[in-house]
C-alpha cells in the first residue's frame, strides 16, 4: 500500500493523500456554496407579483422631493409599485440627475455672477438636456457605425459584369 502525497508521474494518477486533498477541497467549496446566500435575483411569476404588496416608498426616500418623485413614478408605472429594485434604480437615477443639476448651477453661478436664479435655472436645464441629447447621439452613433477595419486589412474591390442579361457581382 503506497501513500504518495500527490501526483504520480509514473502512473499518471493521484496518490491517496492527493485524492484525500481533492475530496476535502470539494467538500469545503460545497459547504461554502451551501451557506452563502444567493446573490442572483429570483424570478417571480406574474401571478405572484400581483399579490405582492407595494413597496413602502417612505423607507426608500430621504427627502420630500424623492417621495414626490417615487409617488409620480408609481402612478405612471403601477407595475413598478411592488418591485423595490426598480424603484431603487429610478431613485438612484433621480439622485444622480439632481446632483448633476446642482453642480451645473454652481458652475453657472461662478461663471455668471450677475445672473438671476431664474436665468441660472434656465441655463442648468438647457445644459442637462444638452448632455442627455449628446449621450443619446453618441449611443446612436456607436450602434449605427460600422466597426473600424483592421489596420492591415486591404480594401474590398468589387466589379460587376452583365452576361446574357444577368448581372454578376464579384468582390475580392
N, C-alpha and C. Protein backbone atom coordinates (compact mmCIF):
# COMPACT_ATOMS: atom_id res chain seq x y z
N UNK A 1 0.85 -1.17 0.00
CA UNK A 1 0.00 0.00 0.00
C UNK A 1 0.89 1.23 0.00
N UNK A 2 0.75 2.05 -1.00
CA UNK A 2 1.58 3.24 -1.08
C UNK A 2 0.75 4.46 -0.73
N UNK A 3 1.36 5.36 -0.01
CA UNK A 3 0.71 6.61 0.38
C UNK A 3 1.50 7.77 -0.24
N UNK A 4 1.40 7.93 -1.54
CA UNK A 4 2.11 9.03 -2.17
C UNK A 4 1.35 10.32 -1.89
N UNK A 5 2.08 11.38 -1.85
CA UNK A 5 1.49 12.63 -1.40
C UNK A 5 0.83 13.43 -2.51
N UNK A 6 0.99 13.07 -3.71
CA UNK A 6 0.40 13.91 -4.75
C UNK A 6 0.32 13.18 -6.06
N UNK A 7 0.60 13.86 -7.12
CA UNK A 7 0.51 13.36 -8.48
C UNK A 7 1.70 12.47 -8.76
N UNK A 8 1.43 11.29 -9.28
CA UNK A 8 2.50 10.37 -9.62
C UNK A 8 2.75 10.45 -11.10
N UNK A 9 3.97 10.81 -11.47
CA UNK A 9 4.30 10.93 -12.88
C UNK A 9 4.37 9.56 -13.55
N UNK A 10 4.76 8.57 -12.81
CA UNK A 10 4.89 7.23 -13.41
C UNK A 10 3.54 6.64 -13.75
N UNK A 11 2.61 6.68 -12.83
CA UNK A 11 1.31 6.05 -13.09
C UNK A 11 0.30 7.04 -13.69
N UNK A 12 0.56 8.33 -13.57
CA UNK A 12 -0.35 9.33 -14.10
C UNK A 12 -1.61 9.48 -13.27
N UNK A 13 -1.58 9.05 -11.99
CA UNK A 13 -2.76 9.13 -11.13
C UNK A 13 -2.40 9.86 -9.84
N UNK A 14 -3.45 10.27 -9.15
CA UNK A 14 -3.27 10.88 -7.84
C UNK A 14 -3.02 9.80 -6.81
N UNK A 15 -2.15 10.10 -5.84
CA UNK A 15 -1.95 9.18 -4.73
C UNK A 15 -3.09 9.32 -3.74
N UNK A 16 -3.08 8.51 -2.69
CA UNK A 16 -4.17 8.53 -1.70
C UNK A 16 -4.26 9.90 -1.00
N UNK A 17 -3.15 10.47 -0.66
CA UNK A 17 -3.18 11.78 0.02
C UNK A 17 -3.68 12.86 -0.93
N UNK A 18 -3.29 12.77 -2.18
CA UNK A 18 -3.78 13.72 -3.19
C UNK A 18 -5.27 13.59 -3.39
N UNK A 19 -5.77 12.34 -3.39
CA UNK A 19 -7.21 12.13 -3.51
C UNK A 19 -7.94 12.70 -2.30
N UNK A 20 -7.38 12.47 -1.12
CA UNK A 20 -7.99 13.00 0.11
C UNK A 20 -8.04 14.52 0.06
N UNK A 21 -6.96 15.14 -0.41
CA UNK A 21 -6.93 16.60 -0.50
C UNK A 21 -7.99 17.12 -1.48
N UNK A 22 -8.12 16.48 -2.62
CA UNK A 22 -9.10 16.95 -3.61
C UNK A 22 -10.53 16.78 -3.09
N UNK A 23 -10.80 15.68 -2.37
CA UNK A 23 -12.13 15.48 -1.78
C UNK A 23 -12.38 16.54 -0.71
N UNK A 24 -11.37 16.84 0.10
CA UNK A 24 -11.52 17.85 1.15
C UNK A 24 -11.80 19.23 0.54
N UNK A 25 -11.10 19.57 -0.54
CA UNK A 25 -11.32 20.86 -1.19
C UNK A 25 -12.74 20.93 -1.76
N UNK A 26 -13.21 19.85 -2.37
CA UNK A 26 -14.57 19.82 -2.91
C UNK A 26 -15.60 20.00 -1.79
N UNK A 27 -15.39 19.35 -0.66
CA UNK A 27 -16.33 19.49 0.45
C UNK A 27 -16.35 20.92 1.00
N UNK A 28 -15.18 21.53 1.10
CA UNK A 28 -15.10 22.91 1.59
C UNK A 28 -15.83 23.85 0.63
N UNK A 29 -15.63 23.66 -0.68
CA UNK A 29 -16.29 24.51 -1.66
C UNK A 29 -17.81 24.31 -1.63
N UNK A 30 -18.24 23.07 -1.50
CA UNK A 30 -19.68 22.81 -1.43
C UNK A 30 -20.29 23.41 -0.17
N UNK A 31 -19.58 23.32 0.95
CA UNK A 31 -20.09 23.89 2.19
C UNK A 31 -20.19 25.41 2.07
N UNK A 32 -19.21 26.03 1.42
CA UNK A 32 -19.24 27.48 1.24
C UNK A 32 -20.40 27.91 0.36
N UNK A 33 -20.67 27.15 -0.70
CA UNK A 33 -21.78 27.48 -1.59
C UNK A 33 -23.12 27.27 -0.90
N UNK A 34 -23.19 26.29 -0.02
CA UNK A 34 -24.45 25.99 0.64
C UNK A 34 -24.80 27.03 1.70
N UNK A 35 -23.79 27.64 2.34
CA UNK A 35 -24.07 28.58 3.41
C UNK A 35 -24.16 30.02 2.92
N UNK A 36 -23.60 30.32 1.75
CA UNK A 36 -23.61 31.68 1.25
C UNK A 36 -24.96 31.99 0.62
N UNK A 37 -25.56 33.14 0.97
CA UNK A 37 -26.85 33.46 0.37
C UNK A 37 -26.70 33.75 -1.12
N UNK A 38 -27.71 33.47 -1.86
CA UNK A 38 -27.68 33.66 -3.31
C UNK A 38 -27.70 35.15 -3.63
N UNK A 39 -26.83 35.57 -4.56
CA UNK A 39 -26.81 36.97 -4.98
C UNK A 39 -27.63 37.18 -6.23
N UNK A 40 -28.14 36.08 -6.83
CA UNK A 40 -28.93 36.21 -8.03
C UNK A 40 -30.38 36.47 -7.66
N UNK A 41 -31.03 37.40 -8.36
CA UNK A 41 -32.43 37.65 -8.05
C UNK A 41 -33.27 36.45 -8.47
N UNK A 42 -34.28 36.18 -7.70
CA UNK A 42 -35.16 35.07 -8.03
C UNK A 42 -36.23 35.55 -8.98
N UNK A 43 -36.59 34.71 -9.91
CA UNK A 43 -37.63 35.03 -10.87
C UNK A 43 -38.98 34.94 -10.18
N UNK A 44 -39.78 35.95 -10.36
CA UNK A 44 -41.10 35.97 -9.75
C UNK A 44 -42.11 35.82 -10.86
N UNK A 45 -43.02 34.90 -10.70
CA UNK A 45 -44.04 34.70 -11.72
C UNK A 45 -45.02 35.88 -11.69
N UNK A 46 -45.61 36.21 -12.84
CA UNK A 46 -46.54 37.34 -12.87
C UNK A 46 -47.72 37.17 -11.92
N UNK A 47 -48.14 35.94 -11.68
CA UNK A 47 -49.28 35.74 -10.79
C UNK A 47 -48.93 36.10 -9.35
N UNK A 48 -47.69 35.77 -8.94
CA UNK A 48 -47.33 36.08 -7.56
C UNK A 48 -46.91 37.53 -7.39
N UNK A 49 -46.46 38.19 -8.47
CA UNK A 49 -46.06 39.59 -8.33
C UNK A 49 -47.27 40.49 -8.13
N UNK A 50 -48.42 40.08 -8.67
CA UNK A 50 -49.62 40.89 -8.48
C UNK A 50 -50.09 40.82 -7.03
N UNK A 51 -49.75 39.72 -6.37
CA UNK A 51 -50.20 39.54 -4.99
C UNK A 51 -49.27 40.25 -4.00
N UNK A 52 -48.09 40.66 -4.46
CA UNK A 52 -47.17 41.32 -3.55
C UNK A 52 -47.65 42.72 -3.20
N UNK A 53 -47.32 43.12 -2.00
CA UNK A 53 -47.72 44.45 -1.54
C UNK A 53 -46.79 45.50 -2.14
N UNK A 54 -47.29 46.71 -2.35
CA UNK A 54 -46.44 47.78 -2.86
C UNK A 54 -45.31 48.10 -1.88
N UNK A 55 -44.21 48.58 -2.42
CA UNK A 55 -43.05 48.94 -1.62
C UNK A 55 -43.34 50.22 -0.85
N UNK A 56 -42.89 50.28 0.38
CA UNK A 56 -43.06 51.49 1.18
C UNK A 56 -42.03 52.52 0.73
N UNK A 57 -42.45 53.51 -0.02
CA UNK A 57 -41.52 54.49 -0.56
C UNK A 57 -40.96 55.41 0.51
N UNK A 58 -41.62 55.50 1.64
CA UNK A 58 -41.13 56.36 2.71
C UNK A 58 -39.85 55.81 3.34
N UNK A 59 -39.64 54.50 3.22
CA UNK A 59 -38.39 53.91 3.71
C UNK A 59 -37.26 54.09 2.71
N UNK A 60 -37.58 54.18 1.41
CA UNK A 60 -36.56 54.35 0.38
C UNK A 60 -36.08 55.80 0.27
N UNK A 61 -37.03 56.72 0.33
CA UNK A 61 -36.73 58.13 0.09
C UNK A 61 -36.15 58.79 1.34
N UNK A 62 -35.33 59.81 1.09
CA UNK A 62 -34.72 60.55 2.19
C UNK A 62 -35.24 61.98 2.28
N UNK A 63 -35.78 62.50 1.19
CA UNK A 63 -36.28 63.86 1.19
C UNK A 63 -37.71 63.88 0.65
N UNK A 64 -38.37 64.99 0.85
CA UNK A 64 -39.74 65.15 0.34
C UNK A 64 -39.75 65.11 -1.18
N UNK A 65 -38.73 65.66 -1.80
CA UNK A 65 -38.61 65.65 -3.26
C UNK A 65 -38.56 64.21 -3.79
N UNK A 66 -37.82 63.35 -3.12
CA UNK A 66 -37.72 61.95 -3.55
C UNK A 66 -39.04 61.21 -3.34
N UNK A 67 -39.76 61.54 -2.28
CA UNK A 67 -41.07 60.91 -2.04
C UNK A 67 -42.03 61.29 -3.17
N UNK A 68 -42.05 62.55 -3.55
CA UNK A 68 -42.92 63.00 -4.63
C UNK A 68 -42.52 62.32 -5.94
N UNK A 69 -41.21 62.23 -6.21
CA UNK A 69 -40.74 61.56 -7.42
C UNK A 69 -41.20 60.11 -7.46
N UNK A 70 -41.06 59.39 -6.34
CA UNK A 70 -41.48 57.98 -6.31
C UNK A 70 -42.99 57.83 -6.43
N UNK A 71 -43.76 58.77 -5.85
CA UNK A 71 -45.21 58.71 -5.99
C UNK A 71 -45.63 58.91 -7.45
N UNK A 72 -45.00 59.86 -8.12
CA UNK A 72 -45.30 60.08 -9.54
C UNK A 72 -44.90 58.86 -10.35
N UNK A 73 -43.75 58.30 -10.05
CA UNK A 73 -43.27 57.13 -10.76
C UNK A 73 -44.22 55.94 -10.59
N UNK A 74 -44.69 55.74 -9.36
CA UNK A 74 -45.63 54.64 -9.11
C UNK A 74 -46.98 54.88 -9.78
N UNK A 75 -47.40 56.12 -9.85
CA UNK A 75 -48.70 56.39 -10.50
C UNK A 75 -48.60 56.20 -12.01
N UNK A 76 -47.45 56.54 -12.60
CA UNK A 76 -47.29 56.37 -14.05
C UNK A 76 -46.95 54.93 -14.42
N UNK A 77 -46.29 54.19 -13.52
CA UNK A 77 -45.89 52.80 -13.76
C UNK A 77 -46.38 51.94 -12.61
N UNK A 78 -47.64 51.55 -12.60
CA UNK A 78 -48.17 50.79 -11.46
C UNK A 78 -47.50 49.42 -11.29
N UNK A 79 -46.96 48.85 -12.37
CA UNK A 79 -46.31 47.55 -12.25
C UNK A 79 -44.99 47.64 -11.46
N UNK A 80 -44.44 48.84 -11.33
CA UNK A 80 -43.21 49.03 -10.56
C UNK A 80 -43.50 49.14 -9.06
N UNK A 81 -44.72 49.29 -8.67
CA UNK A 81 -45.07 49.56 -7.27
C UNK A 81 -44.61 48.44 -6.35
N UNK A 82 -44.53 47.22 -6.84
CA UNK A 82 -44.16 46.08 -6.00
C UNK A 82 -42.70 45.66 -6.18
N UNK A 83 -41.96 46.33 -7.04
CA UNK A 83 -40.58 45.93 -7.31
C UNK A 83 -39.61 46.96 -6.71
N UNK A 84 -39.06 46.60 -5.58
CA UNK A 84 -38.16 47.51 -4.88
C UNK A 84 -36.91 47.81 -5.69
N UNK A 85 -36.40 46.83 -6.41
CA UNK A 85 -35.19 47.03 -7.22
C UNK A 85 -35.38 48.09 -8.28
N UNK A 86 -36.52 48.05 -8.96
CA UNK A 86 -36.80 49.06 -9.99
C UNK A 86 -36.92 50.45 -9.37
N UNK A 87 -37.58 50.53 -8.22
CA UNK A 87 -37.73 51.82 -7.56
C UNK A 87 -36.38 52.36 -7.08
N UNK A 88 -35.54 51.48 -6.57
CA UNK A 88 -34.20 51.91 -6.14
C UNK A 88 -33.38 52.42 -7.32
N UNK A 89 -33.47 51.73 -8.45
CA UNK A 89 -32.74 52.16 -9.64
C UNK A 89 -33.22 53.53 -10.11
N UNK A 90 -34.54 53.72 -10.17
CA UNK A 90 -35.09 55.01 -10.59
C UNK A 90 -34.71 56.11 -9.60
N UNK A 91 -34.70 55.79 -8.30
CA UNK A 91 -34.32 56.77 -7.29
C UNK A 91 -32.85 57.15 -7.42
N UNK A 92 -32.01 56.17 -7.72
CA UNK A 92 -30.58 56.46 -7.92
C UNK A 92 -30.38 57.36 -9.13
N UNK A 93 -31.13 57.10 -10.21
CA UNK A 93 -31.05 57.95 -11.40
C UNK A 93 -31.51 59.37 -11.06
N UNK A 94 -32.59 59.49 -10.29
CA UNK A 94 -33.11 60.80 -9.88
C UNK A 94 -32.07 61.55 -9.04
N UNK A 95 -31.45 60.86 -8.10
CA UNK A 95 -30.43 61.50 -7.25
C UNK A 95 -29.23 61.95 -8.08
N UNK A 96 -28.80 61.11 -9.03
CA UNK A 96 -27.66 61.47 -9.89
C UNK A 96 -27.99 62.71 -10.72
N UNK A 97 -29.18 62.75 -11.29
CA UNK A 97 -29.58 63.90 -12.10
C UNK A 97 -29.67 65.16 -11.25
N UNK A 98 -30.17 65.02 -10.02
CA UNK A 98 -30.28 66.18 -9.13
C UNK A 98 -28.89 66.71 -8.75
N UNK A 99 -27.96 65.78 -8.46
CA UNK A 99 -26.59 66.22 -8.13
C UNK A 99 -25.93 66.90 -9.32
N UNK A 100 -26.14 66.37 -10.53
CA UNK A 100 -25.56 66.98 -11.72
C UNK A 100 -26.16 68.36 -11.95
N UNK A 101 -27.45 68.50 -11.70
CA UNK A 101 -28.11 69.80 -11.85
C UNK A 101 -27.54 70.81 -10.85
N UNK A 102 -27.33 70.37 -9.61
CA UNK A 102 -26.75 71.26 -8.60
C UNK A 102 -25.33 71.67 -8.97
N UNK A 103 -24.54 70.73 -9.49
CA UNK A 103 -23.16 71.05 -9.89
C UNK A 103 -23.14 72.05 -11.03
N UNK A 104 -24.02 71.87 -12.00
CA UNK A 104 -24.08 72.82 -13.10
C UNK A 104 -24.55 74.19 -12.63
N UNK A 105 -25.49 74.23 -11.69
CA UNK A 105 -25.97 75.51 -11.16
C UNK A 105 -24.83 76.25 -10.45
N UNK A 106 -24.02 75.53 -9.69
CA UNK A 106 -22.88 76.16 -9.01
C UNK A 106 -21.89 76.70 -10.04
N UNK A 107 -21.65 75.89 -11.09
CA UNK A 107 -20.73 76.33 -12.14
C UNK A 107 -21.24 77.59 -12.82
N UNK A 108 -22.53 77.65 -13.12
CA UNK A 108 -23.09 78.82 -13.79
C UNK A 108 -23.13 80.04 -12.86
N UNK A 109 -23.31 79.82 -11.57
CA UNK A 109 -23.28 80.95 -10.63
C UNK A 109 -21.89 81.60 -10.60
N UNK A 110 -20.85 80.75 -10.68
CA UNK A 110 -19.49 81.30 -10.71
C UNK A 110 -19.19 81.93 -12.06
N UNK A 111 -19.72 81.33 -13.11
CA UNK A 111 -19.45 81.83 -14.45
C UNK A 111 -20.21 83.12 -14.73
N UNK A 112 -21.44 83.23 -14.23
CA UNK A 112 -22.28 84.40 -14.45
C UNK A 112 -22.76 84.93 -13.10
N UNK A 113 -21.91 85.69 -12.38
CA UNK A 113 -22.28 86.14 -11.03
C UNK A 113 -23.47 87.10 -11.00
N UNK A 114 -23.75 87.79 -12.09
CA UNK A 114 -24.86 88.75 -12.08
C UNK A 114 -26.18 88.13 -12.54
N UNK A 115 -26.19 86.85 -12.86
CA UNK A 115 -27.41 86.20 -13.35
C UNK A 115 -28.39 85.96 -12.21
N UNK A 116 -29.68 86.04 -12.53
CA UNK A 116 -30.71 85.79 -11.52
C UNK A 116 -30.90 84.28 -11.36
N UNK A 117 -31.65 83.89 -10.34
CA UNK A 117 -31.89 82.46 -10.10
C UNK A 117 -32.67 81.83 -11.25
N UNK A 118 -33.58 82.59 -11.81
CA UNK A 118 -34.36 82.07 -12.95
C UNK A 118 -33.45 81.82 -14.15
N UNK A 119 -32.52 82.74 -14.41
CA UNK A 119 -31.58 82.55 -15.52
C UNK A 119 -30.66 81.36 -15.27
N UNK A 120 -30.23 81.19 -14.02
CA UNK A 120 -29.39 80.04 -13.67
C UNK A 120 -30.18 78.75 -13.88
N UNK A 121 -31.44 78.75 -13.49
CA UNK A 121 -32.29 77.57 -13.64
C UNK A 121 -32.46 77.21 -15.12
N UNK A 122 -32.64 78.24 -15.98
CA UNK A 122 -32.80 78.01 -17.42
C UNK A 122 -31.50 77.47 -18.01
N UNK A 123 -30.37 78.07 -17.64
CA UNK A 123 -29.08 77.59 -18.14
C UNK A 123 -28.82 76.14 -17.71
N UNK A 124 -29.14 75.84 -16.47
CA UNK A 124 -28.92 74.49 -15.95
C UNK A 124 -29.81 73.48 -16.67
N UNK A 125 -31.08 73.81 -16.84
CA UNK A 125 -31.99 72.89 -17.53
C UNK A 125 -31.55 72.65 -18.96
N UNK A 126 -31.10 73.70 -19.64
CA UNK A 126 -30.61 73.55 -21.01
C UNK A 126 -29.35 72.68 -21.06
N UNK A 127 -28.45 72.89 -20.12
CA UNK A 127 -27.21 72.10 -20.10
C UNK A 127 -27.49 70.62 -19.83
N UNK A 128 -28.41 70.34 -18.90
CA UNK A 128 -28.75 68.95 -18.60
C UNK A 128 -29.38 68.28 -19.81
N UNK A 129 -30.31 68.97 -20.48
CA UNK A 129 -30.94 68.37 -21.66
C UNK A 129 -29.94 68.21 -22.80
N UNK A 130 -29.01 69.16 -22.95
CA UNK A 130 -27.98 69.05 -23.98
C UNK A 130 -27.08 67.84 -23.71
N UNK A 131 -26.71 67.63 -22.44
CA UNK A 131 -25.89 66.47 -22.10
C UNK A 131 -26.63 65.17 -22.39
N UNK A 132 -27.92 65.13 -22.07
CA UNK A 132 -28.71 63.92 -22.34
C UNK A 132 -28.79 63.66 -23.84
N UNK A 133 -28.98 64.71 -24.63
CA UNK A 133 -29.04 64.55 -26.08
C UNK A 133 -27.70 64.10 -26.63
N UNK A 134 -26.60 64.65 -26.11
CA UNK A 134 -25.27 64.23 -26.56
C UNK A 134 -25.01 62.77 -26.24
N UNK A 135 -25.45 62.32 -25.06
CA UNK A 135 -25.29 60.90 -24.70
C UNK A 135 -26.09 60.02 -25.64
N UNK A 136 -27.33 60.45 -25.93
CA UNK A 136 -28.17 59.67 -26.83
C UNK A 136 -27.58 59.64 -28.23
N UNK A 137 -27.07 60.77 -28.71
CA UNK A 137 -26.46 60.82 -30.04
C UNK A 137 -25.22 59.94 -30.10
N UNK A 138 -24.40 59.96 -29.04
CA UNK A 138 -23.20 59.13 -29.03
C UNK A 138 -23.57 57.65 -29.04
N UNK A 139 -24.62 57.29 -28.31
CA UNK A 139 -25.07 55.89 -28.29
C UNK A 139 -25.57 55.49 -29.67
N UNK A 140 -26.34 56.36 -30.32
CA UNK A 140 -26.85 56.07 -31.65
C UNK A 140 -25.71 55.93 -32.65
N UNK A 141 -24.72 56.82 -32.58
CA UNK A 141 -23.57 56.72 -33.48
C UNK A 141 -22.81 55.42 -33.25
N UNK A 142 -22.65 55.04 -31.98
CA UNK A 142 -21.91 53.80 -31.69
C UNK A 142 -22.65 52.58 -32.21
N UNK A 143 -23.98 52.61 -32.14
CA UNK A 143 -24.76 51.47 -32.62
C UNK A 143 -24.75 51.40 -34.13
N UNK A 144 -24.92 52.55 -34.79
CA UNK A 144 -25.06 52.56 -36.24
C UNK A 144 -23.75 52.55 -37.00
N UNK A 145 -22.67 52.92 -36.37
CA UNK A 145 -21.40 52.98 -37.11
C UNK A 145 -20.82 51.58 -37.26
N UNK A 146 -20.19 51.39 -38.38
CA UNK A 146 -19.55 50.10 -38.65
C UNK A 146 -18.24 50.03 -37.87
N UNK A 147 -17.86 48.85 -37.44
CA UNK A 147 -16.59 48.75 -36.73
C UNK A 147 -15.44 49.09 -37.65
N UNK A 148 -14.39 49.69 -37.13
CA UNK A 148 -13.26 50.06 -37.99
C UNK A 148 -12.56 48.81 -38.53
N UNK A 149 -12.06 48.95 -39.75
CA UNK A 149 -11.33 47.84 -40.37
C UNK A 149 -9.98 47.69 -39.71
N UNK A 150 -9.47 46.48 -39.60
CA UNK A 150 -8.13 46.30 -39.04
C UNK A 150 -7.10 47.05 -39.87
N UNK A 151 -6.02 47.47 -39.24
CA UNK A 151 -5.04 48.31 -39.92
C UNK A 151 -4.36 47.59 -41.07
N UNK A 152 -4.19 46.29 -40.97
CA UNK A 152 -3.51 45.54 -42.03
C UNK A 152 -4.43 45.03 -43.11
N UNK A 153 -5.73 45.29 -43.01
CA UNK A 153 -6.68 44.76 -43.97
C UNK A 153 -6.66 45.58 -45.25
N UNK A 154 -6.79 44.88 -46.35
CA UNK A 154 -6.85 45.58 -47.62
C UNK A 154 -8.31 45.89 -47.93
N UNK A 155 -8.58 46.94 -48.70
CA UNK A 155 -9.96 47.27 -49.02
C UNK A 155 -10.58 46.23 -49.94
N UNK A 156 -11.89 46.15 -49.90
CA UNK A 156 -12.62 45.21 -50.74
C UNK A 156 -12.86 45.86 -52.10
N UNK A 157 -12.56 45.11 -53.17
CA UNK A 157 -12.78 45.60 -54.52
C UNK A 157 -13.88 44.77 -55.15
N UNK A 158 -14.86 45.42 -55.75
CA UNK A 158 -15.98 44.73 -56.38
C UNK A 158 -16.09 45.19 -57.83
N UNK A 159 -16.55 44.29 -58.67
CA UNK A 159 -16.86 44.64 -60.04
C UNK A 159 -18.07 43.85 -60.49
N UNK A 160 -18.77 44.38 -61.48
CA UNK A 160 -19.98 43.72 -61.98
C UNK A 160 -19.83 43.48 -63.48
N UNK A 161 -20.40 42.38 -63.94
CA UNK A 161 -20.43 42.03 -65.36
C UNK A 161 -21.85 41.69 -65.75
N UNK A 162 -22.23 42.10 -66.95
CA UNK A 162 -23.54 41.73 -67.46
C UNK A 162 -23.32 40.66 -68.51
N UNK A 163 -23.79 39.45 -68.18
CA UNK A 163 -23.62 38.32 -69.08
C UNK A 163 -25.01 37.80 -69.44
N UNK A 164 -25.34 37.85 -70.74
CA UNK A 164 -26.62 37.37 -71.24
C UNK A 164 -27.80 37.97 -70.45
N UNK A 165 -27.73 39.25 -70.14
CA UNK A 165 -28.83 39.94 -69.47
C UNK A 165 -28.84 39.80 -67.96
N UNK A 166 -27.90 39.05 -67.40
CA UNK A 166 -27.83 38.87 -65.96
C UNK A 166 -26.59 39.57 -65.42
N UNK A 167 -26.75 40.27 -64.29
CA UNK A 167 -25.63 41.00 -63.70
C UNK A 167 -24.97 40.11 -62.65
N UNK A 168 -23.69 39.89 -62.77
CA UNK A 168 -22.91 39.14 -61.80
C UNK A 168 -21.95 40.08 -61.09
N UNK A 169 -21.99 40.07 -59.77
CA UNK A 169 -21.09 40.92 -58.98
C UNK A 169 -20.09 40.05 -58.27
N UNK A 170 -18.83 40.44 -58.31
CA UNK A 170 -17.77 39.67 -57.67
C UNK A 170 -16.92 40.62 -56.85
N UNK A 171 -16.66 40.24 -55.62
CA UNK A 171 -15.83 41.06 -54.73
C UNK A 171 -14.63 40.24 -54.28
N UNK A 172 -13.51 40.87 -54.23
CA UNK A 172 -12.30 40.20 -53.73
C UNK A 172 -11.53 41.11 -52.82
